[in-house]
């Protein structure tokens, strides 16, 4: 079905939304309390400007020096770094299953060694 066959009720434009109103007194009070809390904790904008290093233009500078990444081995598309030790292969030892039973309509069910009564239960379920 193409969009020109669909009626105007399928439009993505939402006409029923109201325009956003100005902040309420409750929102303004909550923001003021939050700014007071940040100032008390020492993480407001003015406190951070005093604590963290800035340049002459007022822009923040980093706290740590950047490492020189130009030295050391170069990784290119033909040499990719490994991602750790390979996981060991899982092998079946043969000591888990007693056998496979057939239930309704050729449904194969494993019979484990810890529950040998399951074979008798499945045999009793056969039709």
C-alpha atoms as a PDB file:
ATOM      1  CA  UNK A   1       0.000   0.000   0.000  1.00  0.00           C
ATOM      2  CA  UNK A   2       1.443   3.352  -0.915  1.00  0.00           C
ATOM      3  CA  UNK A   3       1.070   6.486   1.143  1.00  0.00           C
ATOM      4  CA  UNK A   4      -1.125   8.309  -1.393  1.00  0.00           C
ATOM      5  CA  UNK A   5      -3.824   5.690  -0.822  1.00  0.00           C
ATOM      6  CA  UNK A   6      -3.794   6.134   2.961  1.00  0.00           C
ATOM      7  CA  UNK A   7      -6.145   8.660   4.536  1.00  0.00           C
ATOM      8  CA  UNK A   8      -5.150  11.729   6.556  1.00  0.00           C
ATOM      9  CA  UNK A   9      -5.513   9.791   9.823  1.00  0.00           C
ATOM     10  CA  UNK A  10      -2.178   8.051   9.096  1.00  0.00           C
ATOM     11  CA  UNK A  11      -0.082  11.216   9.075  1.00  0.00           C
ATOM     12  CA  UNK A  12       2.895  11.483  11.405  1.00  0.00           C
ATOM     13  CA  UNK A  13       2.166  15.122  12.217  1.00  0.00           C
ATOM     14  CA  UNK A  14       0.534  15.493  15.606  1.00  0.00           C
ATOM     15  CA  UNK A  15      -1.895  18.376  15.694  1.00  0.00           C
ATOM     16  CA  UNK A  16      -3.299  17.709  19.141  1.00  0.00           C
ATOM     17  CA  UNK A  17      -0.194  18.699  21.118  1.00  0.00           C
ATOM     18  CA  UNK A  18      -0.342  21.915  23.075  1.00  0.00           C
ATOM     19  CA  UNK A  19       2.409  24.478  22.860  1.00  0.00           C
ATOM     20  CA  UNK A  20       4.926  24.182  25.650  1.00  0.00           C
ATOM     21  CA  UNK A  21       4.154  26.649  28.390  1.00  0.00           C
ATOM     22  CA  UNK A  22       6.608  28.646  30.446  1.00  0.00           C
ATOM     23  CA  UNK A  23       8.132  27.097  33.556  1.00  0.00           C
ATOM     24  CA  UNK A  24       5.864  27.016  36.555  1.00  0.00           C
ATOM     25  CA  UNK A  25       6.746  28.461  39.926  1.00  0.00           C
ATOM     26  CA  UNK A  26       7.230  24.933  41.232  1.00  0.00           C
ATOM     27  CA  UNK A  27       9.757  24.120  38.479  1.00  0.00           C
ATOM     28  CA  UNK A  28      11.643  27.376  39.084  1.00  0.00           C
ATOM     29  CA  UNK A  29      11.795  26.649  42.831  1.00  0.00           C
ATOM     30  CA  UNK A  30      13.056  23.106  42.194  1.00  0.00           C
ATOM     31  CA  UNK A  31      15.805  24.411  39.894  1.00  0.00           C
ATOM     32  CA  UNK A  32      16.833  27.007  42.473  1.00  0.00           C
ATOM     33  CA  UNK A  33      17.059  24.340  45.195  1.00  0.00           C
ATOM     34  CA  UNK A  34      19.068  22.094  42.881  1.00  0.00           C
ATOM     35  CA  UNK A  35      21.558  24.869  42.136  1.00  0.00           C
ATOM     36  CA  UNK A  36      21.934  25.500  45.884  1.00  0.00           C
ATOM     37  CA  UNK A  37      22.614  21.797  46.402  1.00  0.00           C
ATOM     38  CA  UNK A  38      25.234  21.765  43.633  1.00  0.00           C
ATOM     39  CA  UNK A  39      26.898  24.822  45.137  1.00  0.00           C
ATOM     40  CA  UNK A  40      26.956  23.160  48.578  1.00  0.00           C
ATOM     41  CA  UNK A  41      28.570  20.047  47.043  1.00  0.00           C
ATOM     42  CA  UNK A  42      31.104  22.203  45.190  1.00  0.00           C
ATOM     43  CA  UNK A  43      30.194  21.122  41.671  1.00  0.00           C
ATOM     44  CA  UNK A  44      28.341  24.166  40.351  1.00  0.00           C
ATOM     45  CA  UNK A  45      29.699  26.095  37.369  1.00  0.00           C
ATOM     46  CA  UNK A  46      31.485  28.790  39.389  1.00  0.00           C
ATOM     47  CA  UNK A  47      33.199  26.311  41.717  1.00  0.00           C
ATOM     48  CA  UNK A  48      34.359  24.158  38.801  1.00  0.00           C
ATOM     49  CA  UNK A  49      35.787  27.216  37.036  1.00  0.00           C
ATOM     50  CA  UNK A  50      37.913  27.930  40.089  1.00  0.00           C
ATOM     51  CA  UNK A  51      39.016  24.321  40.636  1.00  0.00           C
ATOM     52  CA  UNK A  52      39.741  23.165  37.083  1.00  0.00           C
ATOM     53  CA  UNK A  53      42.469  24.655  34.874  1.00  0.00           C
ATOM     54  CA  UNK A  54      41.390  27.134  32.192  1.00  0.00           C
ATOM     55  CA  UNK A  55      43.293  29.012  29.507  1.00  0.00           C
ATOM     56  CA  UNK A  56      43.313  32.812  29.069  1.00  0.00           C
ATOM     57  CA  UNK A  57      40.115  32.713  27.006  1.00  0.00           C
ATOM     58  CA  UNK A  58      38.218  30.833  29.751  1.00  0.00           C
ATOM     59  CA  UNK A  59      38.121  27.474  27.966  1.00  0.00           C
ATOM     60  CA  UNK A  60      38.661  24.351  30.045  1.00  0.00           C
ATOM     61  CA  UNK A  61      41.948  22.550  29.706  1.00  0.00           C
ATOM     62  CA  UNK A  62      42.573  18.901  30.419  1.00  0.00           C
ATOM     63  CA  UNK A  63      43.769  17.758  33.834  1.00  0.00           C
ATOM     64  CA  UNK A  64      46.050  14.985  32.529  1.00  0.00           C
ATOM     65  CA  UNK A  65      48.570  15.101  29.742  1.00  0.00           C
ATOM     66  CA  UNK A  66      47.693  13.273  26.549  1.00  0.00           C
ATOM     67  CA  UNK A  67      49.916  10.237  25.883  1.00  0.00           C
ATOM     68  CA  UNK A  68      52.021  10.197  22.738  1.00  0.00           C
ATOM     69  CA  UNK A  69      50.271   7.596  20.597  1.00  0.00           C
ATOM     70  CA  UNK A  70      52.618   8.009  17.639  1.00  0.00           C
ATOM     71  CA  UNK A  71      55.199   5.681  19.206  1.00  0.00           C
ATOM     72  CA  UNK A  72      54.921   1.919  19.511  1.00  0.00           C
ATOM     73  CA  UNK A  73      53.556  -0.687  17.123  1.00  0.00           C
ATOM     74  CA  UNK A  74      51.413   0.629  14.309  1.00  0.00           C
ATOM     75  CA  UNK A  75      48.168  -1.224  13.775  1.00  0.00           C
ATOM     76  CA  UNK A  76      47.089  -1.366  10.164  1.00  0.00           C
ATOM     77  CA  UNK A  77      44.471  -3.390   8.359  1.00  0.00           C
ATOM     78  CA  UNK A  78      46.925  -6.239   7.752  1.00  0.00           C
ATOM     79  CA  UNK A  79      48.130  -6.341  11.391  1.00  0.00           C
ATOM     80  CA  UNK A  80      45.319  -6.351  13.928  1.00  0.00           C
ATOM     81  CA  UNK A  81      45.868  -6.693  17.671  1.00  0.00           C
ATOM     82  CA  UNK A  82      44.632  -9.823  19.388  1.00  0.00           C
ATOM     83  CA  UNK A  83      41.780  -9.708  21.858  1.00  0.00           C
ATOM     84  CA  UNK A  84      43.052 -12.090  24.527  1.00  0.00           C
ATOM     85  CA  UNK A  85      43.480 -15.792  25.080  1.00  0.00           C
ATOM     86  CA  UNK A  86      41.380 -18.143  22.981  1.00  0.00           C
ATOM     87  CA  UNK A  87      38.627 -20.004  24.802  1.00  0.00           C
ATOM     88  CA  UNK A  88      39.189 -23.730  25.231  1.00  0.00           C
ATOM     89  CA  UNK A  89      37.228 -26.052  22.948  1.00  0.00           C
ATOM     90  CA  UNK A  90      34.360 -27.964  24.504  1.00  0.00           C
ATOM     91  CA  UNK A  91      34.365 -31.699  23.879  1.00  0.00           C
ATOM     92  CA  UNK A  92      31.659 -34.185  24.760  1.00  0.00           C
ATOM     93  CA  UNK A  93      32.993 -36.887  27.092  1.00  0.00           C
ATOM     94  CA  UNK A  94      30.066 -39.272  26.692  1.00  0.00           C
ATOM     95  CA  UNK A  95      29.209 -39.566  30.384  1.00  0.00           C
ATOM     96  CA  UNK A  96      26.143 -37.300  30.442  1.00  0.00           C
ATOM     97  CA  UNK A  97      23.477 -39.134  28.448  1.00  0.00           C
ATOM     98  CA  UNK A  98      22.090 -42.637  28.805  1.00  0.00           C
ATOM     99  CA  UNK A  99      20.303 -42.429  25.494  1.00  0.00           C
ATOM    100  CA  UNK A 100      17.614 -40.754  23.429  1.00  0.00           C
ATOM    101  CA  UNK A 101      13.938 -41.620  23.817  1.00  0.00           C
ATOM    102  CA  UNK A 102      11.181 -40.996  21.295  1.00  0.00           C
ATOM    103  CA  UNK A 103       7.988 -39.356  22.503  1.00  0.00           C
ATOM    104  CA  UNK A 104       4.876 -38.366  20.572  1.00  0.00           C
ATOM    105  CA  UNK A 105       5.265 -37.855  16.810  1.00  0.00           C
ATOM    106  CA  UNK A 106       9.005 -38.604  16.613  1.00  0.00           C
ATOM    107  CA  UNK A 107      10.004 -36.074  19.255  1.00  0.00           C
ATOM    108  CA  UNK A 108      13.531 -37.049  20.400  1.00  0.00           C
ATOM    109  CA  UNK A 109      14.157 -36.462  24.129  1.00  0.00           C
ATOM    110  CA  UNK A 110      17.543 -36.994  25.847  1.00  0.00           C
ATOM    111  CA  UNK A 111      17.686 -39.308  28.890  1.00  0.00           C
ATOM    112  CA  UNK A 112      20.307 -38.145  31.359  1.00  0.00           C
ATOM    113  CA  UNK A 113      22.183 -40.341  33.851  1.00  0.00           C
ATOM    114  CA  UNK A 114      21.003 -38.347  36.862  1.00  0.00           C
ATOM    115  CA  UNK A 115      17.329 -39.189  36.074  1.00  0.00           C
ATOM    116  CA  UNK A 116      16.991 -42.747  34.696  1.00  0.00           C
ATOM    117  CA  UNK A 117      13.296 -42.836  35.705  1.00  0.00           C
ATOM    118  CA  UNK A 118      12.596 -40.429  32.838  1.00  0.00           C
ATOM    119  CA  UNK A 119      12.989 -43.323  30.370  1.00  0.00           C
ATOM    120  CA  UNK A 120      10.204 -45.253  32.130  1.00  0.00           C
ATOM    121  CA  UNK A 121       8.000 -42.145  32.243  1.00  0.00           C
ATOM    122  CA  UNK A 122       8.453 -41.513  28.531  1.00  0.00           C
ATOM    123  CA  UNK A 123       7.789 -45.156  27.724  1.00  0.00           C
ATOM    124  CA  UNK A 124       4.513 -44.973  29.647  1.00  0.00           C
ATOM    125  CA  UNK A 125       3.488 -41.869  27.691  1.00  0.00           C
ATOM    126  CA  UNK A 126       3.637 -43.563  24.302  1.00  0.00           C
ATOM    127  CA  UNK A 127       0.377 -44.024  22.455  1.00  0.00           C
END
